[in-house]
Structures are given as structure tokens and as C-alpha cells.
Amino acid sequence: MQNVPDPRVGAMPPVTLDIAESVARQILTTYGDSTHYDEFAYAEAYGALTVALQALLDALANERGVSRG
């Protein structure tokens, strides 16, 4: 059998609700006022929102003891 690297080595720690909340607050601080943004800033904010939602879903899955797959 070949030596297969363990995918858990160097893996990110589980996302907690505290981490998800911190990410969400940082995004609101950065992108909460869109008064002076151009279309590129909206794309950046969209990407940040996607990351925040992924972190929230990961944290909720960890709280429930299930895998998001």
C-alpha cells in the first residue's frame, strides 16, 4: 500500500461560532457603508460575504457535530 498523506495534517482548525462572528463583524466594519464604492468594491464585498457565510455554516455544522461535506 502506498503512503498516503494524512489530509488532516496542517488542516485548519474547526470554525467556531466565535470565529464566524468575528469574521462577520470585520466584514460589516469594512463594507457596512457602500456610499463611496465602485463596482470592484462590490465584487470584493460579495467575496467577503461568501467567506463569512461559509464560516457561519461550518461553525453551525461543528456545533451540531455534522459534516458539511
Protein backbone atom coordinates (compact mmCIF):
# COMPACT_ATOMS: atom_id res chain seq x y z
CA MET A 1 0.00 0.00 0.00
CA GLN A 2 1.27 3.48 -0.85
CA ASN A 3 1.94 6.06 1.82
CA VAL A 4 -0.99 8.43 1.52
CA PRO A 5 -0.59 11.78 3.26
CA ASP A 6 -3.00 12.44 6.07
CA PRO A 7 -5.36 15.23 4.88
CA ARG A 8 -5.71 16.40 8.49
CA VAL A 9 -2.03 17.32 8.78
CA GLY A 10 -1.80 21.08 8.52
CA ALA A 11 -5.57 21.36 8.24
CA MET A 12 -7.41 24.39 9.53
CA PRO A 13 -8.92 24.06 13.00
CA PRO A 14 -12.71 23.79 13.15
CA VAL A 15 -14.55 27.07 12.75
CA THR A 16 -16.36 28.11 15.92
CA LEU A 17 -19.28 30.48 16.28
CA ASP A 18 -16.87 32.99 17.86
CA ILE A 19 -14.70 32.93 14.74
CA ALA A 20 -17.72 33.23 12.44
CA GLU A 21 -19.00 36.18 14.48
CA SER A 22 -15.60 37.86 14.32
CA VAL A 23 -15.45 37.45 10.53
CA ALA A 24 -18.97 38.85 10.16
CA ARG A 25 -18.15 41.88 12.33
CA GLN A 26 -14.97 42.58 10.35
CA ILE A 27 -16.91 42.45 7.09
CA LEU A 28 -19.60 44.77 8.42
CA THR A 29 -16.94 47.19 9.60
CA THR A 30 -15.20 47.15 6.23
CA TYR A 31 -18.20 47.03 3.87
CA GLY A 32 -21.09 48.29 6.01
CA ASP A 33 -21.19 51.68 4.28
CA SER A 34 -21.15 51.38 0.48
CA THR A 35 -21.59 55.11 -0.19
CA HIS A 36 -18.21 55.60 -1.87
CA TYR A 37 -17.67 52.20 -3.50
CA ASP A 38 -17.21 51.42 -7.18
CA GLU A 39 -18.21 48.16 -8.90
CA PHE A 40 -14.91 46.47 -7.99
CA ALA A 41 -15.53 47.08 -4.30
CA TYR A 42 -18.94 45.45 -4.60
CA ALA A 43 -17.31 42.36 -6.08
CA GLU A 44 -14.82 42.30 -3.20
CA ALA A 45 -17.65 42.67 -0.68
CA TYR A 46 -19.53 39.83 -2.36
CA GLY A 47 -16.50 37.57 -1.98
CA ALA A 48 -16.11 38.55 1.67
CA LEU A 49 -19.78 37.84 2.31
CA THR A 50 -19.38 34.41 0.73
CA VAL A 51 -16.47 33.61 3.05
CA ALA A 52 -18.45 34.81 6.08
CA LEU A 53 -21.43 32.65 5.20
CA GLN A 54 -19.19 29.61 4.67
CA ALA A 55 -17.59 30.22 8.08
CA LEU A 56 -21.02 30.51 9.70
CA LEU A 57 -22.26 27.29 8.09
CA ASP A 58 -19.05 25.48 9.12
CA ALA A 59 -19.42 26.72 12.70
CA LEU A 60 -23.05 25.64 12.88
CA ALA A 61 -22.19 22.23 11.47
CA ASN A 62 -19.38 21.86 14.05
CA GLU A 63 -21.77 22.83 16.84
CA ARG A 64 -24.17 20.12 15.70
CA GLY A 65 -21.40 17.57 15.18
CA VAL A 66 -22.13 17.06 11.49
CA SER A 67 -20.03 17.46 8.38
CA ARG A 68 -20.91 19.95 5.66
CA GLY A 69 -19.36 17.58 3.14
